[in-house]
N, C-alpha and C. Protein backbone atom coordinates (compact mmCIF):
# COMPACT_ATOMS: atom_id res chain seq x y z
N MET A 1 -101.54 90.87 81.29
CA MET A 1 -102.62 89.91 82.08
C MET A 1 -101.72 89.50 82.87
N ASN A 2 -101.12 88.01 82.89
CA ASN A 2 -99.94 87.58 83.81
C ASN A 2 -99.56 88.62 85.23
N ARG A 3 -99.11 89.37 84.98
CA ARG A 3 -98.56 90.92 86.42
C ARG A 3 -100.04 91.30 86.78
N ARG A 4 -101.19 91.33 86.05
CA ARG A 4 -102.20 91.50 86.82
C ARG A 4 -103.33 89.91 87.40
N ARG A 5 -102.76 88.78 87.49
CA ARG A 5 -103.38 88.00 88.35
C ARG A 5 -102.45 87.70 89.39
N GLY A 6 -101.44 87.74 89.11
CA GLY A 6 -100.04 87.95 89.87
C GLY A 6 -100.62 88.91 91.56
N ILE A 7 -101.24 89.96 91.11
CA ILE A 7 -101.50 91.14 92.18
C ILE A 7 -102.36 90.32 92.53
N LEU A 8 -103.73 90.17 91.87
CA LEU A 8 -104.75 89.64 92.25
C LEU A 8 -104.74 88.47 93.15
N SER A 9 -103.84 87.84 92.65
CA SER A 9 -103.73 86.07 93.74
C SER A 9 -103.12 86.81 95.40
N GLY A 10 -102.30 87.46 95.23
CA GLY A 10 -101.71 87.78 96.10
C GLY A 10 -102.69 88.96 97.40
N LEU A 11 -104.21 89.46 96.53
CA LEU A 11 -104.82 90.32 97.60
C LEU A 11 -105.32 89.50 98.76
N PRO A 12 -105.87 88.32 98.75
CA PRO A 12 -106.84 87.97 99.99
C PRO A 12 -105.26 88.29 101.13
N ALA A 13 -103.89 87.14 100.80
CA ALA A 13 -103.87 87.44 101.88
C ALA A 13 -102.80 88.59 102.53
N MET A 14 -103.00 89.51 101.68
CA MET A 14 -102.60 90.79 102.09
C MET A 14 -103.73 91.62 103.58
N LEU A 15 -105.55 91.01 102.42
CA LEU A 15 -106.43 91.81 103.38
C LEU A 15 -106.05 90.72 104.77
N PHE A 16 -106.32 89.57 104.84
CA PHE A 16 -106.30 88.99 105.97
C PHE A 16 -105.39 89.56 106.61
N ALA A 17 -104.19 89.32 106.71
CA ALA A 17 -103.18 90.26 107.50
C ALA A 17 -103.17 91.66 107.55
N VAL A 18 -104.50 92.49 107.33
CA VAL A 18 -103.93 93.49 107.57
C VAL A 18 -105.75 93.63 109.02
N VAL A 19 -106.59 92.55 108.08
CA VAL A 19 -107.86 92.79 109.51
C VAL A 19 -106.99 91.65 110.47
N ALA A 20 -105.96 91.14 110.36
CA ALA A 20 -105.46 90.05 111.53
C ALA A 20 -104.70 91.08 112.49
N CYS A 21 -104.24 92.11 112.09
CA CYS A 21 -103.03 92.75 112.64
C CYS A 21 -104.23 94.25 113.15
N ALA A 22 -104.80 94.16 112.75
CA ALA A 22 -106.43 96.01 113.54
C ALA A 22 -106.93 96.11 114.64
N GLY A 23 -107.28 94.29 114.88
CA GLY A 23 -107.52 94.99 116.52
C GLY A 23 -109.19 94.93 116.61
N ASP A 24 -109.72 94.47 118.03
CA ASP A 24 -110.52 95.88 117.24
C ASP A 24 -111.11 96.15 118.61
N GLY A 25 -109.73 96.64 119.74
CA GLY A 25 -109.49 97.43 120.86
C GLY A 25 -109.26 96.91 122.04
N THR A 26 -109.40 95.20 122.18
CA THR A 26 -110.02 94.77 122.88
C THR A 26 -108.12 94.91 123.71
N GLY A 27 -108.27 94.99 125.14
CA GLY A 27 -106.61 95.06 126.26
C GLY A 27 -106.34 96.89 125.90
N LEU A 28 -107.28 97.41 125.77
CA LEU A 28 -106.50 98.76 125.19
C LEU A 28 -106.77 99.87 126.39
N ASP A 29 -106.80 100.92 127.03
CA ASP A 29 -107.79 101.98 126.80
C ASP A 29 -107.97 102.80 125.53
N GLU A 30 -108.62 104.01 126.76
CA GLU A 30 -109.29 105.02 125.96
C GLU A 30 -108.62 106.11 124.85
N PHE A 31 -106.78 105.82 125.51
CA PHE A 31 -106.30 106.33 124.73
C PHE A 31 -105.46 105.65 123.63
N GLY A 32 -106.42 103.68 123.52
CA GLY A 32 -105.26 103.38 122.75
C GLY A 32 -103.81 102.35 122.78
N ARG A 33 -103.80 102.94 124.83
CA ARG A 33 -102.71 102.39 124.98
C ARG A 33 -103.06 101.17 125.49
N PRO A 34 -101.78 100.04 125.56
CA PRO A 34 -102.59 98.50 125.93
C PRO A 34 -102.56 98.23 127.67
N LEU A 35 -103.46 97.63 128.63
CA LEU A 35 -104.06 97.96 129.69
C LEU A 35 -103.20 96.92 129.80
N GLY A 36 -102.79 97.08 131.46
CA GLY A 36 -101.67 96.59 132.46
C GLY A 36 -100.39 96.91 132.15
N THR A 37 -100.15 98.22 131.40
CA THR A 37 -98.72 97.99 131.63
C THR A 37 -98.39 99.10 132.05
N ASP A 38 -97.32 99.48 132.65
CA ASP A 38 -96.76 99.82 133.63
C ASP A 38 -96.63 101.45 133.49
N ILE A 39 -97.40 102.01 134.16
CA ILE A 39 -97.60 103.86 133.47
C ILE A 39 -97.21 104.35 134.31
N PRO A 40 -96.03 105.46 134.96
CA PRO A 40 -95.62 105.83 135.71
C PRO A 40 -97.34 106.02 136.55
N GLU A 41 -96.89 106.55 137.99
CA GLU A 41 -97.76 107.31 138.98
C GLU A 41 -97.62 108.51 138.21
N LEU A 42 -99.53 109.03 138.37
CA LEU A 42 -99.56 110.10 138.55
C LEU A 42 -99.36 111.10 139.16
N ALA A 43 -98.44 111.60 139.39
CA ALA A 43 -98.00 113.10 140.74
C ALA A 43 -98.06 114.36 140.44
N PRO A 44 -98.47 114.69 140.76
CA PRO A 44 -98.46 116.55 141.09
C PRO A 44 -97.26 117.22 140.79
N THR A 45 -96.77 116.61 139.55
CA THR A 45 -94.91 117.31 138.65
C THR A 45 -94.78 117.50 137.22
N LEU A 46 -94.58 118.14 136.65
CA LEU A 46 -94.58 118.58 135.25
C LEU A 46 -94.63 117.57 134.34
N SER A 47 -93.12 116.56 134.76
CA SER A 47 -92.34 115.68 134.24
C SER A 47 -93.65 114.05 134.33
N SER A 48 -94.32 114.13 135.24
CA SER A 48 -95.79 113.10 135.19
C SER A 48 -96.75 113.56 134.30
N ILE A 49 -97.75 114.93 134.88
CA ILE A 49 -98.41 114.85 133.80
C ILE A 49 -98.08 115.24 132.19
N GLN A 50 -97.09 115.53 132.09
CA GLN A 50 -96.48 115.63 130.89
C GLN A 50 -97.10 114.08 130.26
N ALA A 51 -95.91 113.30 130.98
CA ALA A 51 -96.07 112.20 130.14
C ALA A 51 -97.07 111.27 130.70
N ASN A 52 -98.17 111.76 131.15
CA ASN A 52 -99.43 111.58 131.20
C ASN A 52 -100.93 111.47 131.30
N ILE A 53 -100.40 113.17 130.67
CA ILE A 53 -101.95 113.70 129.79
C ILE A 53 -101.22 114.65 129.35
N PHE A 54 -100.51 115.63 129.56
CA PHE A 54 -100.36 116.21 128.09
C PHE A 54 -100.04 115.58 126.89
N GLY A 55 -99.02 114.71 126.94
CA GLY A 55 -98.25 113.96 125.95
C GLY A 55 -99.22 113.24 125.45
N PRO A 56 -100.46 112.24 125.62
CA PRO A 56 -100.75 110.94 125.10
C PRO A 56 -102.41 111.35 124.75
N ILE A 57 -103.00 112.78 125.67
CA ILE A 57 -104.19 113.50 125.40
C ILE A 57 -104.24 115.01 124.85
N CYS A 58 -103.46 115.77 125.43
CA CYS A 58 -103.25 117.02 124.80
C CYS A 58 -102.28 117.58 123.25
N THR A 59 -101.25 116.53 123.58
CA THR A 59 -100.86 117.19 122.52
C THR A 59 -101.35 116.02 120.66
N GLN A 60 -102.86 115.73 120.93
CA GLN A 60 -103.14 115.06 119.60
C GLN A 60 -103.69 116.56 119.20
N CYS A 61 -103.87 117.66 119.47
CA CYS A 61 -104.20 118.74 118.71
C CYS A 61 -102.87 120.21 119.37
N HIS A 62 -102.96 120.10 120.63
CA HIS A 62 -101.84 121.27 120.92
C HIS A 62 -99.64 120.67 121.01
N THR A 63 -99.78 120.72 119.97
CA THR A 63 -98.32 120.82 119.17
C THR A 63 -97.79 121.21 117.96
N GLY A 64 -96.22 121.44 118.12
CA GLY A 64 -95.76 121.94 116.66
C GLY A 64 -96.29 123.39 116.33
N ALA A 65 -95.09 124.02 115.31
CA ALA A 65 -95.79 125.91 115.79
C ALA A 65 -97.07 125.76 115.16
N ALA A 66 -98.22 125.10 114.95
CA ALA A 66 -99.50 125.61 114.69
C ALA A 66 -100.55 124.84 115.88
N ALA A 67 -99.49 124.82 116.63
CA ALA A 67 -101.21 124.35 118.17
C ALA A 67 -101.82 125.48 118.19
N PRO A 68 -102.94 125.28 119.14
CA PRO A 68 -104.01 125.77 118.99
C PRO A 68 -104.02 127.08 119.45
N LEU A 69 -103.95 128.38 118.73
CA LEU A 69 -103.91 129.44 119.62
C LEU A 69 -102.03 129.45 120.74
N GLY A 70 -101.17 129.29 119.59
CA GLY A 70 -100.19 129.21 119.99
C GLY A 70 -99.68 128.54 121.30
N LEU A 71 -100.24 127.91 121.67
CA LEU A 71 -100.28 126.52 122.87
C LEU A 71 -99.90 125.52 122.46
N ARG A 72 -98.76 125.02 123.02
CA ARG A 72 -97.86 123.35 122.81
C ARG A 72 -97.22 123.49 124.34
N LEU A 73 -98.18 121.77 123.79
CA LEU A 73 -98.12 121.34 125.29
C LEU A 73 -97.18 119.57 125.37
N ASP A 74 -96.09 120.19 123.88
CA ASP A 74 -95.12 119.09 123.76
C ASP A 74 -93.67 118.89 124.87
N PRO A 75 -93.20 118.35 125.06
CA PRO A 75 -92.13 117.78 126.33
C PRO A 75 -91.16 118.87 125.30
N GLY A 76 -90.85 119.88 126.45
CA GLY A 76 -89.63 120.98 126.19
C GLY A 76 -91.29 122.42 125.79
N ALA A 77 -91.44 122.41 125.00
CA ALA A 77 -92.33 123.61 125.25
C ALA A 77 -93.55 124.32 126.84
N SER A 78 -94.30 122.54 127.32
CA SER A 78 -95.73 122.81 127.21
C SER A 78 -95.15 123.94 129.26
N ARG A 79 -94.49 124.08 129.66
CA ARG A 79 -94.24 125.02 131.04
C ARG A 79 -94.10 126.50 130.21
N ALA A 80 -93.38 126.66 129.01
CA ALA A 80 -92.56 128.02 128.83
C ALA A 80 -94.39 128.56 127.87
N ASP A 81 -94.72 127.70 127.57
CA ASP A 81 -95.99 128.46 127.39
C ASP A 81 -97.74 128.56 127.80
N LEU A 82 -97.33 127.81 129.31
CA LEU A 82 -97.78 127.79 130.73
C LEU A 82 -98.17 129.07 131.10
N VAL A 83 -96.21 129.21 132.36
CA VAL A 83 -96.86 129.67 132.82
C VAL A 83 -96.74 131.03 132.84
N GLY A 84 -97.36 131.99 133.33
CA GLY A 84 -96.66 133.31 133.24
C GLY A 84 -97.34 133.69 132.25
N VAL A 85 -98.18 133.13 131.49
CA VAL A 85 -98.41 133.48 129.97
C VAL A 85 -100.02 134.06 129.50
N PRO A 86 -100.51 134.98 129.15
CA PRO A 86 -101.72 135.54 129.32
C PRO A 86 -102.52 134.73 128.61
N SER A 87 -103.32 134.48 128.24
CA SER A 87 -104.72 133.36 127.53
C SER A 87 -105.14 134.23 126.53
N ILE A 88 -105.47 133.74 125.29
CA ILE A 88 -105.83 134.25 124.44
C ILE A 88 -106.98 134.15 124.45
N GLU A 89 -107.83 133.39 124.61
CA GLU A 89 -109.36 133.52 124.93
C GLU A 89 -109.71 134.76 126.03
N LYS A 90 -108.72 134.58 127.51
CA LYS A 90 -109.18 136.08 128.56
C LYS A 90 -107.94 136.43 128.73
N PRO A 91 -107.53 137.20 127.84
CA PRO A 91 -105.79 137.95 127.90
C PRO A 91 -105.69 138.70 129.85
N GLU A 92 -107.03 138.62 130.80
CA GLU A 92 -106.67 138.92 131.95
C GLU A 92 -106.18 137.68 132.96
N LEU A 93 -106.63 136.56 132.02
CA LEU A 93 -105.63 135.74 133.48
C LEU A 93 -104.69 134.86 132.19
N TRP A 94 -103.61 134.73 133.29
CA TRP A 94 -102.57 133.83 132.67
C TRP A 94 -103.11 132.59 132.15
N ARG A 95 -102.38 131.78 131.81
CA ARG A 95 -102.79 130.14 131.01
C ARG A 95 -103.06 129.58 132.80
N VAL A 96 -101.56 129.31 133.37
CA VAL A 96 -101.14 128.72 134.31
C VAL A 96 -100.41 130.11 135.16
N THR A 97 -100.81 130.83 136.90
CA THR A 97 -100.89 130.98 137.44
C THR A 97 -99.75 130.81 138.73
N PRO A 98 -98.79 130.71 139.07
CA PRO A 98 -98.17 129.46 139.72
C PRO A 98 -99.03 129.74 141.40
N GLY A 99 -99.24 128.96 142.12
CA GLY A 99 -99.91 129.08 143.63
C GLY A 99 -101.37 129.89 143.68
N GLN A 100 -101.58 129.56 142.18
CA GLN A 100 -103.17 130.21 142.28
C GLN A 100 -103.77 129.20 141.11
N PRO A 101 -104.70 128.20 141.70
CA PRO A 101 -105.47 126.95 140.26
C PRO A 101 -106.66 127.73 139.95
N ASP A 102 -106.88 128.66 140.96
CA ASP A 102 -108.55 128.78 141.16
C ASP A 102 -108.43 130.58 139.95
N SER A 103 -107.69 130.55 139.44
CA SER A 103 -107.35 131.52 138.64
C SER A 103 -106.39 131.88 137.03
N SER A 104 -105.94 130.08 137.55
CA SER A 104 -105.87 129.56 136.17
C SER A 104 -106.35 129.30 135.42
N TYR A 105 -106.14 129.78 133.64
CA TYR A 105 -106.78 129.80 132.60
C TYR A 105 -107.18 128.38 132.21
N VAL A 106 -106.18 127.45 132.67
CA VAL A 106 -105.85 125.91 131.84
C VAL A 106 -106.38 125.41 132.94
N VAL A 107 -106.94 126.21 134.09
CA VAL A 107 -107.78 124.69 134.88
C VAL A 107 -109.18 125.32 134.73
N TRP A 108 -109.73 126.14 134.29
CA TRP A 108 -110.60 127.02 133.38
C TRP A 108 -111.88 126.09 132.62
N LYS A 109 -110.62 125.93 131.31
CA LYS A 109 -110.62 125.06 130.35
C LYS A 109 -110.60 123.98 130.17
N ILE A 110 -109.68 122.93 131.48
CA ILE A 110 -109.85 121.27 131.94
C ILE A 110 -111.44 120.96 132.45
N GLU A 111 -111.41 122.19 133.79
CA GLU A 111 -113.33 122.02 134.42
C GLU A 111 -114.43 122.28 133.60
N GLY A 112 -114.34 122.89 132.65
CA GLY A 112 -115.57 123.59 131.70
C GLY A 112 -115.86 124.56 132.53
N HIS A 113 -115.22 125.28 132.96
CA HIS A 113 -115.85 126.86 133.83
C HIS A 113 -116.51 128.04 132.94
N PRO A 114 -118.17 127.89 134.02
CA PRO A 114 -118.64 128.29 133.32
C PRO A 114 -118.57 130.18 131.64
N GLU A 115 -117.05 130.51 132.55
CA GLU A 115 -116.61 131.78 132.13
C GLU A 115 -115.71 131.50 131.03
N ALA A 116 -115.44 130.39 131.37
CA ALA A 116 -113.57 130.17 129.69
C ALA A 116 -114.72 129.56 128.66
N ALA A 117 -113.79 130.65 127.20
CA ALA A 117 -114.72 130.84 126.17
C ALA A 117 -114.27 129.37 125.83
N GLY A 118 -115.03 129.37 124.33
CA GLY A 118 -114.85 128.13 124.03
C GLY A 118 -115.56 127.11 124.25
N GLY A 119 -114.60 125.63 124.01
CA GLY A 119 -115.52 124.34 124.27
C GLY A 119 -114.04 124.03 125.65
N ARG A 120 -115.16 123.12 126.47
CA ARG A 120 -114.05 122.28 128.13
C ARG A 120 -112.88 121.43 127.09
N MET A 121 -111.60 121.73 127.83
CA MET A 121 -110.55 121.02 127.13
C MET A 121 -110.69 119.28 127.92
N PRO A 122 -110.09 118.42 127.05
CA PRO A 122 -109.71 118.18 125.71
C PRO A 122 -111.43 118.37 124.67
N LEU A 123 -110.91 119.35 123.79
CA LEU A 123 -112.11 119.64 122.96
C LEU A 123 -111.55 118.16 122.11
N GLY A 124 -113.69 117.45 122.09
CA GLY A 124 -113.75 116.41 121.24
C GLY A 124 -113.43 114.93 121.86
N LEU A 125 -112.92 114.89 123.12
CA LEU A 125 -112.51 113.83 124.26
C LEU A 125 -113.28 114.00 125.18
N PRO A 126 -113.35 112.34 125.64
CA PRO A 126 -113.76 113.06 126.87
C PRO A 126 -113.06 113.56 128.28
N PRO A 127 -113.35 114.14 128.97
CA PRO A 127 -113.02 115.16 129.62
C PRO A 127 -111.64 114.25 131.05
N LEU A 128 -111.29 115.09 131.26
CA LEU A 128 -110.01 114.66 132.17
C LEU A 128 -110.95 113.86 133.41
N SER A 129 -110.04 113.19 134.22
CA SER A 129 -110.76 112.39 134.61
C SER A 129 -110.63 113.40 135.93
N GLY A 130 -110.97 113.56 137.58
CA GLY A 130 -111.40 114.40 138.13
C GLY A 130 -109.69 114.23 139.34
N ASP A 131 -109.12 112.58 139.47
CA ASP A 131 -107.23 112.49 139.66
C ASP A 131 -106.68 113.47 138.71
N GLN A 132 -106.57 113.58 137.69
CA GLN A 132 -105.67 113.98 136.33
C GLN A 132 -106.05 115.32 136.59
N ILE A 133 -107.49 116.38 137.25
CA ILE A 133 -107.07 117.79 136.92
C ILE A 133 -106.94 117.98 138.58
N THR A 134 -107.10 116.77 139.63
CA THR A 134 -106.20 117.08 141.03
C THR A 134 -105.08 117.47 140.62
N VAL A 135 -104.72 116.53 139.89
CA VAL A 135 -102.71 116.59 139.95
C VAL A 135 -103.00 117.38 139.18
N ILE A 136 -102.99 118.33 138.00
CA ILE A 136 -102.90 119.68 137.59
C ILE A 136 -103.11 120.56 138.79
N ARG A 137 -103.88 120.76 139.06
CA ARG A 137 -104.58 121.97 140.06
C ARG A 137 -103.08 121.77 140.71
N GLU A 138 -102.94 120.45 141.77
CA GLU A 138 -101.58 120.66 142.89
C GLU A 138 -100.57 120.96 141.86
N TRP A 139 -100.47 120.46 140.98
CA TRP A 139 -98.35 121.42 140.02
C TRP A 139 -99.15 122.53 140.54
N ILE A 140 -100.08 123.07 140.10
CA ILE A 140 -100.47 124.66 139.97
C ILE A 140 -100.36 124.98 141.32
N ALA A 141 -101.07 125.03 142.20
CA ALA A 141 -101.02 125.35 143.72
C ALA A 141 -99.44 125.44 143.93
N ASN A 142 -98.37 124.32 144.04
CA ASN A 142 -97.21 124.46 143.93
C ASN A 142 -95.79 124.74 144.01
N GLY A 143 -96.88 126.07 142.84
CA GLY A 143 -95.71 126.71 142.37
C GLY A 143 -95.73 126.33 140.47
N ALA A 144 -95.80 125.44 140.31
CA ALA A 144 -95.71 124.98 138.50
C ALA A 144 -94.38 124.91 138.33
N ALA A 145 -93.69 124.12 139.26
CA ALA A 145 -92.60 124.38 139.26
C ALA A 145 -91.73 123.41 137.73
N GLU A 146 -90.66 123.41 137.42
CA GLU A 146 -90.39 123.01 136.55
C GLU A 146 -90.49 121.46 136.71
N ASP A 147 -89.79 120.52 137.88
CA ASP A 147 -90.04 119.76 138.47
C ASP A 147 -89.41 119.34 140.46
């Protein structure tokens, strides 16, 4: 009985600590990152796209061995799984066709192209911004290089 009373007496302090640390999201962007922190400028390079789009947004689903449709967008795997690889949903299109963003299935998916199968990416999240899409299109138009 004394042990239970000891555990229960510490419960209010533990609950206060959890609630005090939880926060209400103030000062965070839509991805939970602190506002006002130095985020590298978005540029049409794989490293910038990886750090600013694939990493914080796309890898919520597209990571590891169980990535949907075998598309891993985690560092070290994204380019190999994108460039020159046929789409599973539209095999006649490559996921990324270097130099041709309009023929790249990943662009169809992030723009919500009417002939793209399934939902617009990122699924279940807000669509990418115009700037984010433009940078991905520019990277592809520039040849989809490693960097």
